[in-house]
C-alpha atoms as a PDB file:
ATOM      1  CA  UNK A   1      25.535  10.933  -6.112  1.00  0.00           C
ATOM      2  CA  UNK A   2      24.606   7.898  -4.025  1.00  0.00           C
ATOM      3  CA  UNK A   3      21.047   7.673  -2.704  1.00  0.00           C
ATOM      4  CA  UNK A   4      21.285   6.393   0.857  1.00  0.00           C
ATOM      5  CA  UNK A   5      18.417   4.119   1.840  1.00  0.00           C
ATOM      6  CA  UNK A   6      17.479   3.519  -1.783  1.00  0.00           C
ATOM      7  CA  UNK A   7      18.432   1.454  -4.809  1.00  0.00           C
ATOM      8  CA  UNK A   8      21.427   2.534  -6.896  1.00  0.00           C
ATOM      9  CA  UNK A   9      22.862   1.150 -10.138  1.00  0.00           C
ATOM     10  CA  UNK A  10      26.622   0.809  -9.639  1.00  0.00           C
ATOM     11  CA  UNK A  11      29.428  -0.694 -11.745  1.00  0.00           C
ATOM     12  CA  UNK A  12      31.726  -3.444 -10.450  1.00  0.00           C
ATOM     13  CA  UNK A  13      35.304  -2.122 -10.434  1.00  0.00           C
ATOM     14  CA  UNK A  14      37.279  -4.525  -8.232  1.00  0.00           C
ATOM     15  CA  UNK A  15      37.096  -8.080  -6.873  1.00  0.00           C
ATOM     16  CA  UNK A  16      38.599  -8.896  -3.464  1.00  0.00           C
ATOM     17  CA  UNK A  17      38.539 -11.923  -1.188  1.00  0.00           C
ATOM     18  CA  UNK A  18      35.698 -10.472   0.896  1.00  0.00           C
ATOM     19  CA  UNK A  19      33.459  -9.236  -1.925  1.00  0.00           C
ATOM     20  CA  UNK A  20      33.206  -6.778  -4.781  1.00  0.00           C
ATOM     21  CA  UNK A  21      33.883  -3.059  -4.871  1.00  0.00           C
ATOM     22  CA  UNK A  22      31.416  -0.897  -6.770  1.00  0.00           C
ATOM     23  CA  UNK A  23      31.976   2.569  -8.192  1.00  0.00           C
ATOM     24  CA  UNK A  24      30.268   4.980  -5.799  1.00  0.00           C
ATOM     25  CA  UNK A  25      31.305   8.135  -7.637  1.00  0.00           C
ATOM     26  CA  UNK A  26      32.174  10.965  -5.244  1.00  0.00           C
ATOM     27  CA  UNK A  27      31.648   8.620  -2.286  1.00  0.00           C
ATOM     28  CA  UNK A  28      34.447   6.354  -3.480  1.00  0.00           C
ATOM     29  CA  UNK A  29      34.276   2.587  -3.757  1.00  0.00           C
ATOM     30  CA  UNK A  30      31.360   0.801  -2.068  1.00  0.00           C
ATOM     31  CA  UNK A  31      31.702  -2.764  -0.827  1.00  0.00           C
ATOM     32  CA  UNK A  32      29.243  -5.475  -1.793  1.00  0.00           C
ATOM     33  CA  UNK A  33      30.080  -8.169   0.805  1.00  0.00           C
ATOM     34  CA  UNK A  34      30.915 -11.668  -0.413  1.00  0.00           C
ATOM     35  CA  UNK A  35      27.687 -13.162   0.946  1.00  0.00           C
ATOM     36  CA  UNK A  36      25.769 -11.229  -1.744  1.00  0.00           C
ATOM     37  CA  UNK A  37      28.117 -11.988  -4.634  1.00  0.00           C
ATOM     38  CA  UNK A  38      27.504 -14.643  -7.294  1.00  0.00           C
ATOM     39  CA  UNK A  39      29.852 -16.238  -9.849  1.00  0.00           C
ATOM     40  CA  UNK A  40      27.871 -14.483 -12.615  1.00  0.00           C
ATOM     41  CA  UNK A  41      28.970 -11.043 -11.414  1.00  0.00           C
ATOM     42  CA  UNK A  42      31.852  -9.776 -13.591  1.00  0.00           C
ATOM     43  CA  UNK A  43      34.061  -6.682 -13.608  1.00  0.00           C
ATOM     44  CA  UNK A  44      32.292  -3.940 -15.530  1.00  0.00           C
ATOM     45  CA  UNK A  45      28.803  -5.283 -14.819  1.00  0.00           C
ATOM     46  CA  UNK A  46      26.249  -2.862 -13.424  1.00  0.00           C
ATOM     47  CA  UNK A  47      24.285  -4.010 -10.381  1.00  0.00           C
ATOM     48  CA  UNK A  48      21.087  -2.649  -8.873  1.00  0.00           C
ATOM     49  CA  UNK A  49      21.880  -2.629  -5.145  1.00  0.00           C
ATOM     50  CA  UNK A  50      20.444  -1.146  -1.983  1.00  0.00           C
ATOM     51  CA  UNK A  51      22.747   1.309  -0.181  1.00  0.00           C
ATOM     52  CA  UNK A  52      22.780   1.738   3.592  1.00  0.00           C
ATOM     53  CA  UNK A  53      25.226   2.027   6.513  1.00  0.00           C
ATOM     54  CA  UNK A  54      26.704  -1.060   8.178  1.00  0.00           C
ATOM     55  CA  UNK A  55      27.419  -1.594  11.894  1.00  0.00           C
ATOM     56  CA  UNK A  56      30.476   0.656  11.652  1.00  0.00           C
ATOM     57  CA  UNK A  57      28.522   3.413   9.844  1.00  0.00           C
ATOM     58  CA  UNK A  58      30.280   2.685   6.544  1.00  0.00           C
ATOM     59  CA  UNK A  59      28.420   2.892   3.254  1.00  0.00           C
ATOM     60  CA  UNK A  60      27.744  -0.645   2.061  1.00  0.00           C
ATOM     61  CA  UNK A  61      25.736  -2.321  -0.694  1.00  0.00           C
ATOM     62  CA  UNK A  62      23.383  -5.290  -0.489  1.00  0.00           C
ATOM     63  CA  UNK A  63      21.229  -7.282  -2.892  1.00  0.00           C
ATOM     64  CA  UNK A  64      18.735  -7.894  -0.071  1.00  0.00           C
ATOM     65  CA  UNK A  65      15.415  -6.142  -0.531  1.00  0.00           C
ATOM     66  CA  UNK A  66      14.300  -4.037   2.441  1.00  0.00           C
ATOM     67  CA  UNK A  67      10.643  -3.888   3.461  1.00  0.00           C
ATOM     68  CA  UNK A  68      10.793  -0.121   2.924  1.00  0.00           C
ATOM     69  CA  UNK A  69      13.127   2.457   1.422  1.00  0.00           C
ATOM     70  CA  UNK A  70      13.828   5.908   2.787  1.00  0.00           C
ATOM     71  CA  UNK A  71      10.691   8.112   2.716  1.00  0.00           C
ATOM     72  CA  UNK A  72       8.394   5.075   2.770  1.00  0.00           C
ATOM     73  CA  UNK A  73       6.025   3.615   5.367  1.00  0.00           C
ATOM     74  CA  UNK A  74       6.131  -0.001   6.552  1.00  0.00           C
ATOM     75  CA  UNK A  75       4.828  -2.343   9.242  1.00  0.00           C
ATOM     76  CA  UNK A  76       7.937  -3.609  11.007  1.00  0.00           C
ATOM     77  CA  UNK A  77       8.573  -5.987  13.895  1.00  0.00           C
ATOM     78  CA  UNK A  78      10.823  -5.078  16.812  1.00  0.00           C
ATOM     79  CA  UNK A  79      13.821  -7.428  16.900  1.00  0.00           C
ATOM     80  CA  UNK A  80      15.309  -6.122  20.150  1.00  0.00           C
ATOM     81  CA  UNK A  81      15.483  -3.067  22.376  1.00  0.00           C
ATOM     82  CA  UNK A  82      18.073  -1.314  24.547  1.00  0.00           C
ATOM     83  CA  UNK A  83      18.282   1.828  26.669  1.00  0.00           C
ATOM     84  CA  UNK A  84      18.323   4.035  23.559  1.00  0.00           C
ATOM     85  CA  UNK A  85      15.350   2.681  21.637  1.00  0.00           C
ATOM     86  CA  UNK A  86      14.121  -0.194  19.472  1.00  0.00           C
ATOM     87  CA  UNK A  87      15.665  -2.030  16.532  1.00  0.00           C
ATOM     88  CA  UNK A  88      13.316  -3.140  13.764  1.00  0.00           C
ATOM     89  CA  UNK A  89      13.583  -5.997  11.291  1.00  0.00           C
ATOM     90  CA  UNK A  90      13.453  -4.444   7.820  1.00  0.00           C
ATOM     91  CA  UNK A  91      15.395  -6.844   5.559  1.00  0.00           C
ATOM     92  CA  UNK A  92      19.112  -5.896   5.626  1.00  0.00           C
ATOM     93  CA  UNK A  93      21.356  -7.511   8.245  1.00  0.00           C
ATOM     94  CA  UNK A  94      21.599  -4.306  10.268  1.00  0.00           C
ATOM     95  CA  UNK A  95      18.285  -3.632  12.018  1.00  0.00           C
ATOM     96  CA  UNK A  96      16.629  -0.221  11.658  1.00  0.00           C
ATOM     97  CA  UNK A  97      16.880   1.992  14.756  1.00  0.00           C
ATOM     98  CA  UNK A  98      13.871   3.820  16.202  1.00  0.00           C
ATOM     99  CA  UNK A  99      14.939   6.046  19.144  1.00  0.00           C
ATOM    100  CA  UNK A 100      12.615   6.621  22.074  1.00  0.00           C
ATOM    101  CA  UNK A 101      11.963  10.211  20.965  1.00  0.00           C
ATOM    102  CA  UNK A 102      10.414   8.879  17.747  1.00  0.00           C
ATOM    103  CA  UNK A 103       8.112   6.372  19.451  1.00  0.00           C
ATOM    104  CA  UNK A 104       4.471   7.155  20.189  1.00  0.00           C
ATOM    105  CA  UNK A 105       4.440   4.407  22.827  1.00  0.00           C
ATOM    106  CA  UNK A 106       7.251   2.308  24.237  1.00  0.00           C
ATOM    107  CA  UNK A 107       7.959  -0.320  21.578  1.00  0.00           C
ATOM    108  CA  UNK A 108       8.155  -3.934  22.728  1.00  0.00           C
ATOM    109  CA  UNK A 109      10.158  -6.822  21.319  1.00  0.00           C
ATOM    110  CA  UNK A 110       8.082  -9.090  19.072  1.00  0.00           C
ATOM    111  CA  UNK A 111       5.432  -6.433  18.433  1.00  0.00           C
ATOM    112  CA  UNK A 112       5.009  -4.687  15.070  1.00  0.00           C
ATOM    113  CA  UNK A 113       4.364  -1.009  14.343  1.00  0.00           C
ATOM    114  CA  UNK A 114       3.656   1.291  11.411  1.00  0.00           C
ATOM    115  CA  UNK A 115       6.770   3.436  10.907  1.00  0.00           C
ATOM    116  CA  UNK A 116       8.286   5.839   8.405  1.00  0.00           C
ATOM    117  CA  UNK A 117      11.885   5.307   7.192  1.00  0.00           C
ATOM    118  CA  UNK A 118      13.916   8.514   7.139  1.00  0.00           C
ATOM    119  CA  UNK A 119      17.433   9.910   7.108  1.00  0.00           C
ATOM    120  CA  UNK A 120      18.357  11.722  10.298  1.00  0.00           C
ATOM    121  CA  UNK A 121      19.169  15.330   9.405  1.00  0.00           C
ATOM    122  CA  UNK A 122      22.039  15.595  11.903  1.00  0.00           C
ATOM    123  CA  UNK A 123      23.786  12.223  11.733  1.00  0.00           C
ATOM    124  CA  UNK A 124      22.613  11.259   8.211  1.00  0.00           C
ATOM    125  CA  UNK A 125      21.919   7.764   9.538  1.00  0.00           C
ATOM    126  CA  UNK A 126      18.842   5.841   8.471  1.00  0.00           C
ATOM    127  CA  UNK A 127      16.239   5.548  11.212  1.00  0.00           C
ATOM    128  CA  UNK A 128      12.524   4.995  11.759  1.00  0.00           C
ATOM    129  CA  UNK A 129       9.837   7.119  13.343  1.00  0.00           C
ATOM    130  CA  UNK A 130       6.478   5.902  14.610  1.00  0.00           C
ATOM    131  CA  UNK A 131       5.113   9.468  14.556  1.00  0.00           C
ATOM    132  CA  UNK A 132       3.787   8.882  11.075  1.00  0.00           C
ATOM    133  CA  UNK A 133       1.144  11.641  11.176  1.00  0.00           C
ATOM    134  CA  UNK A 134       3.921  14.203  10.738  1.00  0.00           C
ATOM    135  CA  UNK A 135       5.140  12.419   7.603  1.00  0.00           C
ATOM    136  CA  UNK A 136       1.822  12.084   5.793  1.00  0.00           C
ATOM    137  CA  UNK A 137       1.375  14.775   3.157  1.00  0.00           C
ATOM    138  CA  UNK A 138      -1.774  16.763   2.522  1.00  0.00           C
ATOM    139  CA  UNK A 139      -3.138  16.861  -0.992  1.00  0.00           C
ATOM    140  CA  UNK A 140      -3.132  20.412  -2.303  1.00  0.00           C
ATOM    141  CA  UNK A 141      -6.343  20.659  -4.283  1.00  0.00           C
ATOM    142  CA  UNK A 142      -6.105  23.346  -6.924  1.00  0.00           C
ATOM    143  CA  UNK A 143      -9.411  22.644  -8.593  1.00  0.00           C
ATOM    144  CA  UNK A 144     -12.197  20.071  -8.711  1.00  0.00           C
ATOM    145  CA  UNK A 145     -14.074  19.418 -11.937  1.00  0.00           C
ATOM    146  CA  UNK A 146     -16.680  16.772 -12.607  1.00  0.00           C
ATOM    147  CA  UNK A 147     -18.109  14.991 -15.600  1.00  0.00           C
ATOM    148  CA  UNK A 148     -21.781  14.171 -16.136  1.00  0.00           C
ATOM    149  CA  UNK A 149     -21.898  11.633 -13.327  1.00  0.00           C
ATOM    150  CA  UNK A 150     -20.081  13.998 -10.963  1.00  0.00           C
ATOM    151  CA  UNK A 151     -17.216  11.587 -10.306  1.00  0.00           C
ATOM    152  CA  UNK A 152     -14.121  12.858 -12.119  1.00  0.00           C
ATOM    153  CA  UNK A 153     -11.663  14.855 -10.029  1.00  0.00           C
ATOM    154  CA  UNK A 154      -8.585  16.789 -11.093  1.00  0.00           C
ATOM    155  CA  UNK A 155      -6.185  16.957  -8.169  1.00  0.00           C
ATOM    156  CA  UNK A 156      -3.078  19.114  -8.423  1.00  0.00           C
ATOM    157  CA  UNK A 157      -0.068  17.680  -6.624  1.00  0.00           C
ATOM    158  CA  UNK A 158       3.475  16.539  -7.264  1.00  0.00           C
ATOM    159  CA  UNK A 159       3.282  12.845  -8.167  1.00  0.00           C
ATOM    160  CA  UNK A 160      -0.251  11.481  -7.730  1.00  0.00           C
ATOM    161  CA  UNK A 161      -2.943  12.594 -10.154  1.00  0.00           C
ATOM    162  CA  UNK A 162      -6.065  10.689  -9.220  1.00  0.00           C
ATOM    163  CA  UNK A 163      -9.657  10.454 -10.296  1.00  0.00           C
ATOM    164  CA  UNK A 164     -12.666   8.454  -9.253  1.00  0.00           C
ATOM    165  CA  UNK A 165     -12.074   4.731  -9.776  1.00  0.00           C
ATOM    166  CA  UNK A 166      -8.268   4.833 -10.002  1.00  0.00           C
ATOM    167  CA  UNK A 167      -6.442   1.905  -8.363  1.00  0.00           C
ATOM    168  CA  UNK A 168      -3.725   2.804  -5.841  1.00  0.00           C
ATOM    169  CA  UNK A 169      -1.533   0.944  -3.369  1.00  0.00           C
ATOM    170  CA  UNK A 170      -2.514   1.314   0.299  1.00  0.00           C
ATOM    171  CA  UNK A 171      -0.980   0.359   3.634  1.00  0.00           C
ATOM    172  CA  UNK A 172      -3.610  -0.313   6.312  1.00  0.00           C
ATOM    173  CA  UNK A 173      -2.723   2.012   9.175  1.00  0.00           C
ATOM    174  CA  UNK A 174      -5.216   1.899  12.057  1.00  0.00           C
ATOM    175  CA  UNK A 175      -8.827   1.030  12.881  1.00  0.00           C
ATOM    176  CA  UNK A 176     -11.241   3.842  13.723  1.00  0.00           C
ATOM    177  CA  UNK A 177     -14.954   4.105  14.520  1.00  0.00           C
ATOM    178  CA  UNK A 178     -15.592   4.791  10.828  1.00  0.00           C
ATOM    179  CA  UNK A 179     -13.397   2.052   9.362  1.00  0.00           C
ATOM    180  CA  UNK A 180      -9.670   1.876   8.643  1.00  0.00           C
ATOM    181  CA  UNK A 181      -7.219   4.682   8.007  1.00  0.00           C
ATOM    182  CA  UNK A 182      -4.850   3.824   5.163  1.00  0.00           C
ATOM    183  CA  UNK A 183      -1.701   5.396   3.764  1.00  0.00           C
ATOM    184  CA  UNK A 184      -2.222   5.960   0.042  1.00  0.00           C
ATOM    185  CA  UNK A 185       0.676   5.662  -2.407  1.00  0.00           C
ATOM    186  CA  UNK A 186       3.156   5.922   0.498  1.00  0.00           C
ATOM    187  CA  UNK A 187       2.222   9.565   0.996  1.00  0.00           C
ATOM    188  CA  UNK A 188      -1.400  10.492   1.686  1.00  0.00           C
ATOM    189  CA  UNK A 189      -4.148   9.647   4.163  1.00  0.00           C
ATOM    190  CA  UNK A 190      -7.218   7.744   3.055  1.00  0.00           C
ATOM    191  CA  UNK A 191     -10.170   6.078   4.737  1.00  0.00           C
ATOM    192  CA  UNK A 192     -11.900   2.771   4.040  1.00  0.00           C
ATOM    193  CA  UNK A 193     -15.400   2.915   5.543  1.00  0.00           C
ATOM    194  CA  UNK A 194     -16.649  -0.120   7.445  1.00  0.00           C
ATOM    195  CA  UNK A 195     -19.665  -0.564   5.174  1.00  0.00           C
ATOM    196  CA  UNK A 196     -17.325  -0.814   2.183  1.00  0.00           C
ATOM    197  CA  UNK A 197     -15.117  -3.566   3.647  1.00  0.00           C
ATOM    198  CA  UNK A 198     -15.966  -7.145   2.685  1.00  0.00           C
ATOM    199  CA  UNK A 199     -12.759  -8.924   3.666  1.00  0.00           C
ATOM    200  CA  UNK A 200     -10.672  -9.224   6.844  1.00  0.00           C
ATOM    201  CA  UNK A 201      -8.305  -6.274   7.305  1.00  0.00           C
ATOM    202  CA  UNK A 202      -5.487  -5.781   9.798  1.00  0.00           C
ATOM    203  CA  UNK A 203      -2.924  -3.102  10.503  1.00  0.00           C
ATOM    204  CA  UNK A 204       0.067  -3.630   8.206  1.00  0.00           C
ATOM    205  CA  UNK A 205      -1.888  -5.214   5.336  1.00  0.00           C
ATOM    206  CA  UNK A 206      -1.021  -3.913   1.888  1.00  0.00           C
ATOM    207  CA  UNK A 207      -4.025  -3.763  -0.407  1.00  0.00           C
ATOM    208  CA  UNK A 208      -5.074  -2.358  -3.746  1.00  0.00           C
ATOM    209  CA  UNK A 209      -7.909   0.109  -3.228  1.00  0.00           C
ATOM    210  CA  UNK A 210      -9.809   2.510  -5.447  1.00  0.00           C
ATOM    211  CA  UNK A 211     -10.376   6.250  -5.255  1.00  0.00           C
ATOM    212  CA  UNK A 212     -13.989   6.957  -4.343  1.00  0.00           C
ATOM    213  CA  UNK A 213     -13.892  10.643  -3.422  1.00  0.00           C
ATOM    214  CA  UNK A 214     -11.249  13.309  -2.827  1.00  0.00           C
ATOM    215  CA  UNK A 215     -12.455  15.544  -0.019  1.00  0.00           C
ATOM    216  CA  UNK A 216     -11.959  19.283   0.250  1.00  0.00           C
ATOM    217  CA  UNK A 217      -9.604  18.757   3.213  1.00  0.00           C
ATOM    218  CA  UNK A 218      -7.267  16.744   0.956  1.00  0.00           C
ATOM    219  CA  UNK A 219      -8.086  13.350   2.486  1.00  0.00           C
ATOM    220  CA  UNK A 220      -9.284  10.515   0.288  1.00  0.00           C
ATOM    221  CA  UNK A 221     -12.278   8.228   0.685  1.00  0.00           C
ATOM    222  CA  UNK A 222     -11.390   4.764  -0.608  1.00  0.00           C
ATOM    223  CA  UNK A 223     -13.155   1.553  -1.552  1.00  0.00           C
ATOM    224  CA  UNK A 224     -11.800  -1.988  -1.894  1.00  0.00           C
ATOM    225  CA  UNK A 225     -13.957  -2.630  -4.937  1.00  0.00           C
ATOM    226  CA  UNK A 226     -13.580  -1.201  -8.440  1.00  0.00           C
ATOM    227  CA  UNK A 227     -16.130   1.497  -9.140  1.00  0.00           C
ATOM    228  CA  UNK A 228     -18.016   2.672 -12.188  1.00  0.00           C
ATOM    229  CA  UNK A 229     -19.771   1.047 -15.115  1.00  0.00           C
ATOM    230  CA  UNK A 230     -17.144  -1.648 -15.754  1.00  0.00           C
ATOM    231  CA  UNK A 231     -17.445  -2.966 -12.206  1.00  0.00           C
ATOM    232  CA  UNK A 232     -21.234  -3.153 -12.583  1.00  0.00           C
ATOM    233  CA  UNK A 233     -20.842  -5.152 -15.791  1.00  0.00           C
ATOM    234  CA  UNK A 234     -18.247  -7.468 -14.249  1.00  0.00           C
ATOM    235  CA  UNK A 235     -20.385  -8.265 -11.202  1.00  0.00           C
ATOM    236  CA  UNK A 236     -23.518  -8.609 -13.332  1.00  0.00           C
ATOM    237  CA  UNK A 237     -21.776 -11.497 -15.124  1.00  0.00           C
ATOM    238  CA  UNK A 238     -20.859 -13.052 -11.753  1.00  0.00           C
ATOM    239  CA  UNK A 239     -24.485 -12.784 -10.643  1.00  0.00           C
ATOM    240  CA  UNK A 240     -25.730 -14.224 -13.928  1.00  0.00           C
ATOM    241  CA  UNK A 241     -23.397 -17.219 -13.545  1.00  0.00           C
ATOM    242  CA  UNK A 242     -24.659 -17.696  -9.977  1.00  0.00           C
ATOM    243  CA  UNK A 243     -28.228 -17.860 -11.272  1.00  0.00           C
ATOM    244  CA  UNK A 244     -27.333 -20.468 -13.899  1.00  0.00           C
ATOM    245  CA  UNK A 245     -25.645 -22.582 -11.222  1.00  0.00           C
ATOM    246  CA  UNK A 246     -28.528 -22.278  -8.713  1.00  0.00           C
ATOM    247  CA  UNK A 247     -31.636 -23.275 -10.655  1.00  0.00           C
ATOM    248  CA  UNK A 248     -32.085 -19.750 -11.985  1.00  0.00           C
ATOM    249  CA  UNK A 249     -32.905 -18.250  -8.606  1.00  0.00           C
ATOM    250  CA  UNK A 250     -31.392 -15.959  -5.985  1.00  0.00           C
ATOM    251  CA  UNK A 251     -33.344 -15.232  -2.804  1.00  0.00           C
ATOM    252  CA  UNK A 252     -31.709 -11.811  -2.321  1.00  0.00           C
ATOM    253  CA  UNK A 253     -33.673  -8.786  -3.508  1.00  0.00           C
ATOM    254  CA  UNK A 254     -32.797  -5.101  -3.520  1.00  0.00           C
ATOM    255  CA  UNK A 255     -34.497  -4.947  -0.103  1.00  0.00           C
ATOM    256  CA  UNK A 256     -32.311  -7.647   1.470  1.00  0.00           C
ATOM    257  CA  UNK A 257     -29.936  -6.629   4.286  1.00  0.00           C
ATOM    258  CA  UNK A 258     -26.542  -5.430   3.104  1.00  0.00           C
ATOM    259  CA  UNK A 259     -24.877  -7.951   5.437  1.00  0.00           C
ATOM    260  CA  UNK A 260     -26.473 -10.916   3.638  1.00  0.00           C
ATOM    261  CA  UNK A 261     -25.416  -9.570   0.247  1.00  0.00           C
ATOM    262  CA  UNK A 262     -21.874  -8.943   1.446  1.00  0.00           C
ATOM    263  CA  UNK A 263     -21.629 -12.400   3.039  1.00  0.00           C
ATOM    264  CA  UNK A 264     -22.674 -14.187  -0.153  1.00  0.00           C
ATOM    265  CA  UNK A 265     -21.149 -12.062  -2.906  1.00  0.00           C
ATOM    266  CA  UNK A 266     -18.525  -9.913  -1.133  1.00  0.00           C
ATOM    267  CA  UNK A 267     -19.945  -6.731  -2.667  1.00  0.00           C
ATOM    268  CA  UNK A 268     -21.892  -3.779  -1.331  1.00  0.00           C
ATOM    269  CA  UNK A 269     -25.665  -3.558  -1.544  1.00  0.00           C
ATOM    270  CA  UNK A 270     -25.218  -0.649  -3.970  1.00  0.00           C
ATOM    271  CA  UNK A 271     -23.118  -2.800  -6.316  1.00  0.00           C
ATOM    272  CA  UNK A 272     -25.648  -5.635  -6.058  1.00  0.00           C
ATOM    273  CA  UNK A 273     -28.588  -3.361  -6.912  1.00  0.00           C
ATOM    274  CA  UNK A 274     -26.730  -1.920  -9.905  1.00  0.00           C
ATOM    275  CA  UNK A 275     -25.982  -5.400 -11.252  1.00  0.00           C
ATOM    276  CA  UNK A 276     -29.608  -6.487 -10.734  1.00  0.00           C
ATOM    277  CA  UNK A 277     -30.749  -3.385 -12.579  1.00  0.00           C
ATOM    278  CA  UNK A 278     -28.369  -4.124 -15.445  1.00  0.00           C
ATOM    279  CA  UNK A 279     -29.637  -7.707 -15.825  1.00  0.00           C
ATOM    280  CA  UNK A 280     -33.235  -6.514 -15.616  1.00  0.00           C
ATOM    281  CA  UNK A 281     -32.705  -3.928 -18.357  1.00  0.00           C
ATOM    282  CA  UNK A 282     -31.226  -6.671 -20.507  1.00  0.00           C
ATOM    283  CA  UNK A 283     -34.435  -8.678 -19.883  1.00  0.00           C
ATOM    284  CA  UNK A 284     -32.497 -11.587 -18.414  1.00  0.00           C
ATOM    285  CA  UNK A 285     -34.230 -11.676 -15.015  1.00  0.00           C
ATOM    286  CA  UNK A 286     -37.467 -10.886 -13.236  1.00  0.00           C
ATOM    287  CA  UNK A 287     -37.571  -9.175  -9.846  1.00  0.00           C
ATOM    288  CA  UNK A 288     -39.921  -9.831  -6.927  1.00  0.00           C
ATOM    289  CA  UNK A 289     -39.988  -9.501  -3.148  1.00  0.00           C
ATOM    290  CA  UNK A 290     -38.668 -13.096  -2.985  1.00  0.00           C
ATOM    291  CA  UNK A 291     -35.561 -12.252  -5.001  1.00  0.00           C
ATOM    292  CA  UNK A 292     -34.614 -12.544  -8.647  1.00  0.00           C
ATOM    293  CA  UNK A 293     -35.135 -15.274 -11.271  1.00  0.00           C
ATOM    294  CA  UNK A 294     -33.847 -15.970 -14.735  1.00  0.00           C
ATOM    295  CA  UNK A 295     -36.375 -15.310 -17.476  1.00  0.00           C
END
């Protein structure tokens, strides 16, 4: 069965002047227009193609890669509008329709918005909705267990099993008083706190972030930096190299403002203090109110 709005692997069964026909199973033959065909494509070859509906609502294949598949979130620009809604640039030639009823505010040409790609239940056409809150899932937490440091979580859910320190893909959603809301793994809501952000962030950015804490309400606290012992060791080596390159001195102590530490090293004060502690335990540095020095 064909997956509309997704990638499908289909076999070439016929060549015509205007393209190639692919075996769509129960849906019949699916056209791959000539503009996407190459001389290397032969009868019997299997192609990985994206399936959607063309201007005439016919099933068609393309080798173009959309910015989002069905059931995914994306930050898309409005190409044009009419009296029915907005049409968004999403990769394929046919723009993605977002009707007025699915807009949180009236979309404007040239502006970009976070949307969710879906299949309309009545018409079975692909469309977008800007009412993304309704599409974000809630983590169903069956149990929470912790190891000695209190940071390992077992989270029961369908496809995302996460624990403290795991790297996940995030789409930056919107700025809040606390930081930035993000959409985690194309499904769940997370939050990056302002005091954990050491790089410019904007709505629509896609970043790799790390699980910091899974809350009882199913939302996830995130960090842009790796966590745990390995991160401490990695940054300790960065700090040690800095000392070697700067006459063995650093004027930042564990009492220095977090802003100064973040500006120089792009890490949190907590990460800096851990790395300083690691170097001190290894007897590589001395610590004073003026900062740290190589032994």
